[in-house]
Amino acid sequence: MNNSICLLCTLLVLASAPNQFTAQSAPPHGQSQDHSAHHAGVNERGDQAMGFSHLKTTHHFILLKTGGSIEVSANDEKDTTSRDQIRQHLAHIAKMFADGNFNTPMFIHDVAPPGVETMKRLKSEIAYTFEKTEGGGRVTIGTTNGEALAAVHEFLRFQIEDHHTGDSLDVQSKK
């Protein structure tokens, strides 16, 4: 058999075989089934822990020269329920993080995010400030300690990647 006939036979066999990787069950290009399941779990546990829907809100994690910020806003400006839940959650997060309590992100991500152990150890070197924004709230994280700053950036980069926010992994020059 020549190469053209072999190729044609192979293509016919493949075309007639049942497709086990339909669009419905296949993960996005470049992602494994495990990664897709993990991301779905992050969203599900996040909704439970935060008290609001990730589908109705937008998260941003920003790296700054002095630390960074966690910002969440309701997608619909008329959604005051989500806005108020965001504010309640972020005020609580700022207090918990200041106390060295990172149980919420550990629950949401099903793993201790990078940087957490250092942030716990250096909790007195890091300030967490909550403020209301028009659509929700912001926790600003600040430090002058180089080791704490590296840990904060590591923590925020993990959040960006695990939540698929698309935020920059680079330190921003200004807010």
N, C-alpha and C. Protein backbone atom coordinates (compact mmCIF):
# COMPACT_ATOMS: atom_id res chain seq x y z
N MET A 1 0.84 -1.16 0.00
CA MET A 1 0.00 0.00 0.00
C MET A 1 0.90 1.24 0.00
N ASN A 2 0.55 2.23 -0.83
CA ASN A 2 1.39 3.43 -0.82
C ASN A 2 0.95 4.35 0.31
N ASN A 3 1.74 5.39 0.57
CA ASN A 3 1.50 6.30 1.69
C ASN A 3 0.17 7.02 1.59
N SER A 4 -0.26 7.39 0.40
CA SER A 4 -1.51 8.12 0.22
C SER A 4 -2.70 7.27 0.62
N ILE A 5 -2.68 6.00 0.24
CA ILE A 5 -3.78 5.10 0.59
C ILE A 5 -3.78 4.85 2.10
N CYS A 6 -2.61 4.68 2.72
CA CYS A 6 -2.52 4.48 4.18
C CYS A 6 -3.09 5.70 4.91
N LEU A 7 -2.74 6.87 4.46
CA LEU A 7 -3.23 8.10 5.09
C LEU A 7 -4.74 8.20 4.95
N LEU A 8 -5.26 7.88 3.76
CA LEU A 8 -6.69 7.94 3.52
C LEU A 8 -7.43 6.94 4.41
N CYS A 9 -6.91 5.73 4.53
CA CYS A 9 -7.54 4.72 5.39
C CYS A 9 -7.53 5.16 6.85
N THR A 10 -6.43 5.73 7.30
CA THR A 10 -6.33 6.21 8.68
C THR A 10 -7.34 7.32 8.94
N LEU A 11 -7.46 8.26 8.03
CA LEU A 11 -8.42 9.36 8.18
C LEU A 11 -9.85 8.85 8.21
N LEU A 12 -10.17 7.85 7.37
CA LEU A 12 -11.52 7.28 7.36
C LEU A 12 -11.83 6.57 8.68
N VAL A 13 -10.87 5.85 9.21
CA VAL A 13 -11.06 5.17 10.49
C VAL A 13 -11.29 6.19 11.60
N LEU A 14 -10.46 7.24 11.63
CA LEU A 14 -10.60 8.27 12.65
C LEU A 14 -11.91 9.02 12.53
N ALA A 15 -12.32 9.30 11.30
CA ALA A 15 -13.58 10.02 11.08
C ALA A 15 -14.79 9.21 11.51
N SER A 16 -14.72 7.90 11.39
CA SER A 16 -15.86 7.06 11.76
C SER A 16 -15.86 6.68 13.23
N ALA A 17 -14.76 6.94 13.94
CA ALA A 17 -14.68 6.59 15.37
C ALA A 17 -15.51 7.57 16.17
N PRO A 18 -16.12 7.12 17.28
CA PRO A 18 -16.90 8.04 18.12
C PRO A 18 -15.97 9.10 18.72
N ASN A 19 -16.45 10.32 18.76
CA ASN A 19 -15.65 11.43 19.30
C ASN A 19 -15.82 11.48 20.82
N GLN A 20 -14.76 11.19 21.53
CA GLN A 20 -14.81 11.18 22.99
C GLN A 20 -14.53 12.55 23.58
N PHE A 21 -14.15 13.52 22.77
CA PHE A 21 -13.78 14.83 23.26
C PHE A 21 -14.71 15.88 22.68
N THR A 22 -15.96 15.84 23.08
CA THR A 22 -16.93 16.80 22.58
C THR A 22 -16.67 18.15 23.23
N ALA A 23 -17.21 19.21 22.66
CA ALA A 23 -17.03 20.55 23.20
C ALA A 23 -17.59 20.64 24.61
N GLN A 24 -18.62 19.87 24.90
CA GLN A 24 -19.25 19.93 26.20
C GLN A 24 -18.35 19.36 27.29
N SER A 25 -17.62 18.30 27.01
CA SER A 25 -16.84 17.66 28.06
C SER A 25 -15.36 18.02 28.02
N ALA A 26 -14.91 18.59 26.94
CA ALA A 26 -13.48 18.91 26.84
C ALA A 26 -13.18 20.21 27.56
N PRO A 27 -12.06 20.29 28.28
CA PRO A 27 -11.69 21.55 28.91
C PRO A 27 -11.21 22.54 27.86
N PRO A 28 -11.14 23.82 28.22
CA PRO A 28 -10.63 24.81 27.27
C PRO A 28 -9.24 24.43 26.77
N HIS A 29 -8.90 24.91 25.58
CA HIS A 29 -7.61 24.61 24.97
C HIS A 29 -6.49 24.90 25.95
N GLY A 30 -5.58 23.95 26.11
CA GLY A 30 -4.43 24.15 26.97
C GLY A 30 -4.69 23.84 28.43
N GLN A 31 -5.90 23.43 28.79
CA GLN A 31 -6.21 23.12 30.18
C GLN A 31 -6.57 21.65 30.30
N SER A 32 -6.24 21.09 31.44
CA SER A 32 -6.58 19.70 31.69
C SER A 32 -7.95 19.62 32.35
N GLN A 33 -8.52 18.42 32.37
CA GLN A 33 -9.78 18.20 33.08
C GLN A 33 -9.62 18.59 34.54
N ASP A 34 -8.46 18.23 35.15
CA ASP A 34 -8.22 18.55 36.56
C ASP A 34 -8.23 20.05 36.78
N HIS A 35 -7.62 20.82 35.87
CA HIS A 35 -7.57 22.28 35.99
C HIS A 35 -8.98 22.86 35.92
N SER A 36 -9.78 22.39 34.99
CA SER A 36 -11.16 22.88 34.85
C SER A 36 -11.98 22.56 36.09
N ALA A 37 -11.81 21.37 36.63
CA ALA A 37 -12.53 20.98 37.84
C ALA A 37 -12.07 21.83 39.02
N HIS A 38 -10.77 22.10 39.09
CA HIS A 38 -10.25 22.94 40.18
C HIS A 38 -10.86 24.34 40.10
N HIS A 39 -10.89 24.93 38.91
CA HIS A 39 -11.43 26.27 38.75
C HIS A 39 -12.92 26.31 39.12
N ALA A 40 -13.66 25.31 38.73
CA ALA A 40 -15.08 25.23 39.10
C ALA A 40 -15.22 25.15 40.62
N GLY A 41 -14.34 24.38 41.26
CA GLY A 41 -14.36 24.27 42.72
C GLY A 41 -14.02 25.59 43.38
N VAL A 42 -13.05 26.33 42.83
CA VAL A 42 -12.69 27.64 43.36
C VAL A 42 -13.91 28.56 43.32
N ASN A 43 -14.61 28.56 42.20
CA ASN A 43 -15.80 29.41 42.07
C ASN A 43 -16.89 29.00 43.05
N GLU A 44 -17.14 27.70 43.15
CA GLU A 44 -18.20 27.21 44.05
C GLU A 44 -17.87 27.52 45.51
N ARG A 45 -16.64 27.20 45.93
CA ARG A 45 -16.25 27.47 47.32
C ARG A 45 -16.17 28.97 47.58
N GLY A 46 -15.75 29.73 46.56
CA GLY A 46 -15.69 31.18 46.69
C GLY A 46 -17.06 31.79 46.93
N ASP A 47 -18.05 31.36 46.17
CA ASP A 47 -19.41 31.86 46.36
C ASP A 47 -19.88 31.56 47.78
N GLN A 48 -19.58 30.37 48.26
CA GLN A 48 -19.98 29.96 49.60
C GLN A 48 -19.28 30.80 50.67
N ALA A 49 -17.98 30.97 50.55
CA ALA A 49 -17.19 31.67 51.56
C ALA A 49 -17.42 33.18 51.54
N MET A 50 -17.60 33.75 50.35
CA MET A 50 -17.72 35.20 50.23
C MET A 50 -19.14 35.69 50.47
N GLY A 51 -20.12 34.84 50.22
CA GLY A 51 -21.50 35.24 50.42
C GLY A 51 -22.12 35.97 49.24
N PHE A 52 -21.45 35.96 48.10
CA PHE A 52 -22.00 36.55 46.89
C PHE A 52 -21.50 35.75 45.70
N SER A 53 -22.19 35.91 44.57
CA SER A 53 -21.91 35.15 43.37
C SER A 53 -20.75 35.74 42.57
N HIS A 54 -19.82 34.88 42.18
CA HIS A 54 -18.72 35.35 41.30
C HIS A 54 -19.26 35.74 39.92
N LEU A 55 -20.43 35.22 39.55
CA LEU A 55 -21.02 35.57 38.25
C LEU A 55 -21.61 36.97 38.24
N LYS A 56 -21.96 37.49 39.42
CA LYS A 56 -22.56 38.82 39.53
C LYS A 56 -21.54 39.89 39.91
N THR A 57 -20.29 39.48 40.08
CA THR A 57 -19.27 40.40 40.56
C THR A 57 -17.98 40.26 39.75
N THR A 58 -17.10 41.25 39.91
CA THR A 58 -15.80 41.21 39.26
C THR A 58 -14.72 41.44 40.31
N HIS A 59 -13.73 40.55 40.30
CA HIS A 59 -12.58 40.66 41.22
C HIS A 59 -11.37 41.20 40.46
N HIS A 60 -10.58 42.00 41.15
CA HIS A 60 -9.29 42.44 40.63
C HIS A 60 -8.27 42.36 41.75
N PHE A 61 -7.09 41.90 41.40
CA PHE A 61 -5.97 41.82 42.33
C PHE A 61 -4.85 42.63 41.68
N ILE A 62 -4.43 43.68 42.37
CA ILE A 62 -3.47 44.63 41.81
C ILE A 62 -2.20 44.61 42.64
N LEU A 63 -1.05 44.46 41.98
CA LEU A 63 0.24 44.51 42.66
C LEU A 63 0.76 45.94 42.59
N LEU A 64 1.14 46.47 43.76
CA LEU A 64 1.67 47.83 43.87
C LEU A 64 3.05 47.81 44.51
N LYS A 65 3.78 48.90 44.35
CA LYS A 65 5.13 48.98 44.92
C LYS A 65 5.13 48.84 46.43
N THR A 66 4.05 49.21 47.07
CA THR A 66 3.97 49.13 48.53
C THR A 66 3.14 47.94 49.01
N GLY A 67 2.67 47.11 48.10
CA GLY A 67 1.83 45.96 48.46
C GLY A 67 0.88 45.61 47.34
N GLY A 68 -0.39 45.95 47.54
CA GLY A 68 -1.36 45.66 46.50
C GLY A 68 -2.77 45.90 46.97
N SER A 69 -3.72 45.43 46.18
CA SER A 69 -5.12 45.58 46.57
C SER A 69 -5.96 44.44 46.03
N ILE A 70 -7.04 44.20 46.75
CA ILE A 70 -8.08 43.25 46.35
C ILE A 70 -9.32 44.10 46.15
N GLU A 71 -9.86 44.09 44.95
CA GLU A 71 -11.01 44.93 44.63
C GLU A 71 -12.13 44.07 44.07
N VAL A 72 -13.32 44.28 44.57
CA VAL A 72 -14.48 43.53 44.09
C VAL A 72 -15.62 44.52 43.88
N SER A 73 -16.32 44.37 42.76
CA SER A 73 -17.47 45.24 42.50
C SER A 73 -18.60 44.43 41.87
N ALA A 74 -19.81 44.90 42.11
CA ALA A 74 -20.99 44.29 41.50
C ALA A 74 -20.99 44.65 40.02
N ASN A 75 -21.32 43.70 39.18
CA ASN A 75 -21.36 43.94 37.73
C ASN A 75 -22.49 44.88 37.33
N ASP A 76 -23.57 44.85 38.09
CA ASP A 76 -24.74 45.70 37.82
C ASP A 76 -24.81 46.76 38.90
N GLU A 77 -24.74 48.02 38.52
CA GLU A 77 -24.74 49.11 39.50
C GLU A 77 -26.02 49.15 40.34
N LYS A 78 -27.08 48.52 39.85
CA LYS A 78 -28.34 48.48 40.61
C LYS A 78 -28.38 47.30 41.59
N ASP A 79 -27.39 46.43 41.54
CA ASP A 79 -27.34 45.25 42.40
C ASP A 79 -26.75 45.63 43.76
N THR A 80 -27.57 46.29 44.56
CA THR A 80 -27.09 46.75 45.87
C THR A 80 -26.91 45.59 46.84
N THR A 81 -27.60 44.49 46.60
CA THR A 81 -27.42 43.32 47.46
C THR A 81 -26.00 42.79 47.34
N SER A 82 -25.53 42.58 46.10
CA SER A 82 -24.15 42.12 45.90
C SER A 82 -23.16 43.15 46.43
N ARG A 83 -23.41 44.43 46.14
CA ARG A 83 -22.52 45.50 46.61
C ARG A 83 -22.35 45.45 48.13
N ASP A 84 -23.48 45.31 48.83
CA ASP A 84 -23.42 45.27 50.29
C ASP A 84 -22.75 44.00 50.80
N GLN A 85 -22.98 42.86 50.14
CA GLN A 85 -22.32 41.61 50.52
C GLN A 85 -20.82 41.71 50.29
N ILE A 86 -20.40 42.35 49.21
CA ILE A 86 -18.97 42.57 48.92
C ILE A 86 -18.35 43.38 50.06
N ARG A 87 -18.98 44.47 50.41
CA ARG A 87 -18.46 45.34 51.46
C ARG A 87 -18.33 44.60 52.79
N GLN A 88 -19.34 43.84 53.13
CA GLN A 88 -19.29 43.07 54.37
C GLN A 88 -18.14 42.06 54.33
N HIS A 89 -18.01 41.36 53.22
CA HIS A 89 -16.96 40.35 53.09
C HIS A 89 -15.57 40.97 53.15
N LEU A 90 -15.34 42.03 52.39
CA LEU A 90 -14.01 42.63 52.35
C LEU A 90 -13.62 43.28 53.67
N ALA A 91 -14.57 43.88 54.38
CA ALA A 91 -14.27 44.43 55.72
C ALA A 91 -13.84 43.30 56.64
N HIS A 92 -14.53 42.18 56.54
CA HIS A 92 -14.20 40.99 57.35
C HIS A 92 -12.83 40.44 56.96
N ILE A 93 -12.55 40.36 55.67
CA ILE A 93 -11.26 39.85 55.18
C ILE A 93 -10.11 40.71 55.69
N ALA A 94 -10.26 42.04 55.64
CA ALA A 94 -9.21 42.94 56.11
C ALA A 94 -8.89 42.65 57.58
N LYS A 95 -9.91 42.45 58.39
CA LYS A 95 -9.71 42.15 59.82
C LYS A 95 -9.06 40.78 60.00
N MET A 96 -9.57 39.78 59.29
CA MET A 96 -9.01 38.43 59.40
C MET A 96 -7.54 38.40 59.00
N PHE A 97 -7.21 39.00 57.86
CA PHE A 97 -5.83 39.01 57.39
C PHE A 97 -4.92 39.74 58.38
N ALA A 98 -5.39 40.85 58.94
CA ALA A 98 -4.60 41.59 59.92
C ALA A 98 -4.31 40.73 61.16
N ASP A 99 -5.24 39.84 61.48
CA ASP A 99 -5.07 38.92 62.61
C ASP A 99 -4.24 37.69 62.23
N GLY A 100 -3.82 37.59 60.97
CA GLY A 100 -3.04 36.44 60.51
C GLY A 100 -3.90 35.24 60.15
N ASN A 101 -5.19 35.47 59.95
CA ASN A 101 -6.13 34.39 59.64
C ASN A 101 -6.40 34.38 58.13
N PHE A 102 -5.89 33.35 57.48
CA PHE A 102 -6.07 33.20 56.03
C PHE A 102 -6.88 31.95 55.71
N ASN A 103 -7.78 31.58 56.62
CA ASN A 103 -8.60 30.37 56.41
C ASN A 103 -9.50 30.49 55.20
N THR A 104 -10.03 31.69 54.93
CA THR A 104 -10.95 31.84 53.79
C THR A 104 -10.27 31.56 52.46
N PRO A 105 -9.12 32.19 52.14
CA PRO A 105 -8.49 31.83 50.86
C PRO A 105 -8.02 30.38 50.82
N MET A 106 -7.66 29.82 51.97
CA MET A 106 -7.24 28.41 51.99
C MET A 106 -8.44 27.52 51.68
N PHE A 107 -9.63 27.88 52.17
CA PHE A 107 -10.85 27.12 51.88
C PHE A 107 -11.22 27.27 50.40
N ILE A 108 -11.23 28.51 49.91
CA ILE A 108 -11.65 28.77 48.54
C ILE A 108 -10.77 28.02 47.54
N HIS A 109 -9.45 28.08 47.73
CA HIS A 109 -8.51 27.51 46.76
C HIS A 109 -8.16 26.06 47.05
N ASP A 110 -8.60 25.54 48.19
CA ASP A 110 -8.34 24.16 48.58
C ASP A 110 -6.84 23.90 48.75
N VAL A 111 -6.10 24.97 49.02
CA VAL A 111 -4.65 24.89 49.24
C VAL A 111 -4.24 26.22 49.89
N ALA A 112 -3.15 26.19 50.62
CA ALA A 112 -2.62 27.44 51.18
C ALA A 112 -1.95 28.22 50.05
N PRO A 113 -2.45 29.41 49.74
CA PRO A 113 -1.83 30.20 48.68
C PRO A 113 -0.38 30.55 49.01
N PRO A 114 0.46 30.62 48.01
CA PRO A 114 1.85 31.04 48.24
C PRO A 114 1.89 32.39 48.94
N GLY A 115 2.84 32.56 49.83
CA GLY A 115 3.01 33.80 50.55
C GLY A 115 2.30 33.86 51.89
N VAL A 116 1.30 32.99 52.10
CA VAL A 116 0.48 33.04 53.31
C VAL A 116 1.31 32.83 54.59
N GLU A 117 2.18 31.85 54.60
CA GLU A 117 2.95 31.58 55.83
C GLU A 117 3.79 32.79 56.21
N THR A 118 4.40 33.44 55.24
CA THR A 118 5.20 34.64 55.52
C THR A 118 4.30 35.79 55.97
N MET A 119 3.15 35.94 55.33
CA MET A 119 2.21 37.00 55.71
C MET A 119 1.70 36.78 57.13
N LYS A 120 1.50 35.54 57.54
CA LYS A 120 1.10 35.24 58.92
C LYS A 120 2.22 35.63 59.88
N ARG A 121 3.42 35.18 59.56
CA ARG A 121 4.57 35.42 60.44
C ARG A 121 4.87 36.91 60.58
N LEU A 122 4.70 37.66 59.50
CA LEU A 122 5.02 39.08 59.51
C LEU A 122 3.76 39.96 59.58
N LYS A 123 2.69 39.44 60.20
CA LYS A 123 1.42 40.16 60.21
C LYS A 123 1.53 41.56 60.81
N SER A 124 2.43 41.76 61.76
CA SER A 124 2.58 43.09 62.35
C SER A 124 3.28 44.08 61.41
N GLU A 125 3.83 43.57 60.31
CA GLU A 125 4.54 44.40 59.33
C GLU A 125 3.65 44.75 58.12
N ILE A 126 2.41 44.27 58.14
CA ILE A 126 1.52 44.46 56.99
C ILE A 126 0.23 45.12 57.47
N ALA A 127 -0.21 46.16 56.76
CA ALA A 127 -1.47 46.83 57.07
C ALA A 127 -2.52 46.46 56.02
N TYR A 128 -3.72 46.20 56.49
CA TYR A 128 -4.85 45.88 55.63
C TYR A 128 -5.93 46.94 55.87
N THR A 129 -6.28 47.68 54.84
CA THR A 129 -7.24 48.77 54.99
C THR A 129 -8.42 48.53 54.06
N PHE A 130 -9.61 48.47 54.63
CA PHE A 130 -10.82 48.32 53.83
C PHE A 130 -11.39 49.70 53.52
N GLU A 131 -11.88 49.85 52.29
CA GLU A 131 -12.62 51.06 51.93
C GLU A 131 -13.74 50.69 50.96
N LYS A 132 -14.84 51.40 51.10
CA LYS A 132 -15.95 51.21 50.19
C LYS A 132 -15.61 51.86 48.85
N THR A 133 -16.07 51.23 47.78
CA THR A 133 -16.00 51.83 46.46
C THR A 133 -17.44 51.95 45.96
N GLU A 134 -17.64 52.61 44.86
CA GLU A 134 -18.99 52.82 44.35
C GLU A 134 -19.74 51.50 44.16
N GLY A 135 -19.06 50.52 43.58
CA GLY A 135 -19.74 49.26 43.28
C GLY A 135 -19.45 48.13 44.25
N GLY A 136 -18.64 48.39 45.28
CA GLY A 136 -18.29 47.32 46.22
C GLY A 136 -17.27 47.78 47.24
N GLY A 137 -16.05 47.22 47.12
CA GLY A 137 -15.04 47.59 48.09
C GLY A 137 -13.65 47.21 47.66
N ARG A 138 -12.69 47.65 48.50
CA ARG A 138 -11.28 47.40 48.22
C ARG A 138 -10.56 47.17 49.55
N VAL A 139 -9.66 46.19 49.55
CA VAL A 139 -8.73 46.01 50.66
C VAL A 139 -7.36 46.38 50.11
N THR A 140 -6.77 47.41 50.70
CA THR A 140 -5.42 47.81 50.32
C THR A 140 -4.45 47.15 51.30
N ILE A 141 -3.43 46.53 50.75
CA ILE A 141 -2.43 45.83 51.54
C ILE A 141 -1.13 46.61 51.42
N GLY A 142 -0.56 47.02 52.55
CA GLY A 142 0.65 47.82 52.50
C GLY A 142 1.70 47.36 53.48
N THR A 143 2.96 47.49 53.06
CA THR A 143 4.08 47.13 53.93
C THR A 143 5.34 47.85 53.46
N THR A 144 6.26 48.05 54.39
CA THR A 144 7.58 48.57 54.05
C THR A 144 8.64 47.50 54.23
N ASN A 145 8.22 46.32 54.66
CA ASN A 145 9.13 45.19 54.88
C ASN A 145 9.30 44.43 53.56
N GLY A 146 10.53 44.29 53.10
CA GLY A 146 10.81 43.65 51.81
C GLY A 146 10.34 42.21 51.73
N GLU A 147 10.54 41.44 52.80
CA GLU A 147 10.11 40.04 52.80
C GLU A 147 8.59 39.94 52.77
N ALA A 148 7.92 40.81 53.53
CA ALA A 148 6.46 40.82 53.54
C ALA A 148 5.93 41.25 52.17
N LEU A 149 6.57 42.24 51.55
CA LEU A 149 6.16 42.71 50.23
C LEU A 149 6.24 41.59 49.20
N ALA A 150 7.32 40.84 49.23
CA ALA A 150 7.47 39.70 48.29
C ALA A 150 6.35 38.68 48.52
N ALA A 151 6.00 38.44 49.77
CA ALA A 151 4.94 37.47 50.10
C ALA A 151 3.58 37.98 49.61
N VAL A 152 3.31 39.27 49.81
CA VAL A 152 2.05 39.86 49.35
C VAL A 152 1.93 39.72 47.84
N HIS A 153 3.01 40.03 47.13
CA HIS A 153 3.00 39.91 45.67
C HIS A 153 2.80 38.46 45.22
N GLU A 154 3.43 37.54 45.92
CA GLU A 154 3.27 36.11 45.61
C GLU A 154 1.81 35.70 45.81
N PHE A 155 1.22 36.13 46.90
CA PHE A 155 -0.18 35.84 47.23
C PHE A 155 -1.11 36.41 46.16
N LEU A 156 -0.90 37.66 45.77
CA LEU A 156 -1.78 38.29 44.79
C LEU A 156 -1.63 37.67 43.41
N ARG A 157 -0.41 37.32 43.03
CA ARG A 157 -0.22 36.65 41.73
C ARG A 157 -0.96 35.32 41.69
N PHE A 158 -0.91 34.59 42.78
CA PHE A 158 -1.65 33.32 42.86
C PHE A 158 -3.14 33.58 42.67
N GLN A 159 -3.67 34.61 43.34
CA GLN A 159 -5.10 34.94 43.22
C GLN A 159 -5.46 35.25 41.76
N ILE A 160 -4.63 36.05 41.11
CA ILE A 160 -4.87 36.42 39.71
C ILE A 160 -4.95 35.17 38.84
N GLU A 161 -4.01 34.27 39.03
CA GLU A 161 -3.96 33.06 38.20
C GLU A 161 -5.09 32.09 38.54
N ASP A 162 -5.36 31.89 39.84
CA ASP A 162 -6.36 30.89 40.22
C ASP A 162 -7.79 31.36 39.96
N HIS A 163 -8.01 32.67 40.02
CA HIS A 163 -9.34 33.21 39.72
C HIS A 163 -9.50 33.59 38.25
N HIS A 164 -8.42 33.48 37.47
CA HIS A 164 -8.45 33.82 36.04
C HIS A 164 -8.96 35.24 35.81
N THR A 165 -8.45 36.21 36.59
CA THR A 165 -8.94 37.58 36.46
C THR A 165 -8.36 38.32 35.26
N GLY A 166 -7.21 37.87 34.77
CA GLY A 166 -6.57 38.56 33.67
C GLY A 166 -5.81 39.80 34.10
N ASP A 167 -5.74 40.07 35.41
CA ASP A 167 -4.99 41.22 35.90
C ASP A 167 -3.50 41.02 35.65
N SER A 168 -2.78 42.12 35.61
CA SER A 168 -1.34 42.08 35.37
C SER A 168 -0.61 41.40 36.53
N LEU A 169 0.37 40.58 36.20
CA LEU A 169 1.20 39.95 37.22
C LEU A 169 2.38 40.84 37.59
N ASP A 170 2.48 41.98 36.93
CA ASP A 170 3.56 42.94 37.18
C ASP A 170 3.13 43.98 38.21
N VAL A 171 4.10 44.53 38.90
CA VAL A 171 3.85 45.60 39.86
C VAL A 171 3.48 46.87 39.08
N GLN A 172 2.39 47.49 39.48
CA GLN A 172 1.91 48.71 38.82
C GLN A 172 2.60 49.91 39.45
N SER A 173 2.91 50.91 38.64
CA SER A 173 3.62 52.06 39.16
C SER A 173 2.75 52.93 40.05
N LYS A 174 1.46 53.04 39.73
CA LYS A 174 0.56 53.79 40.61
C LYS A 174 -0.85 53.24 40.50
N LYS A 175 -1.62 53.55 41.49
CA LYS A 175 -3.01 53.08 41.60
C LYS A 175 -3.93 54.14 41.08
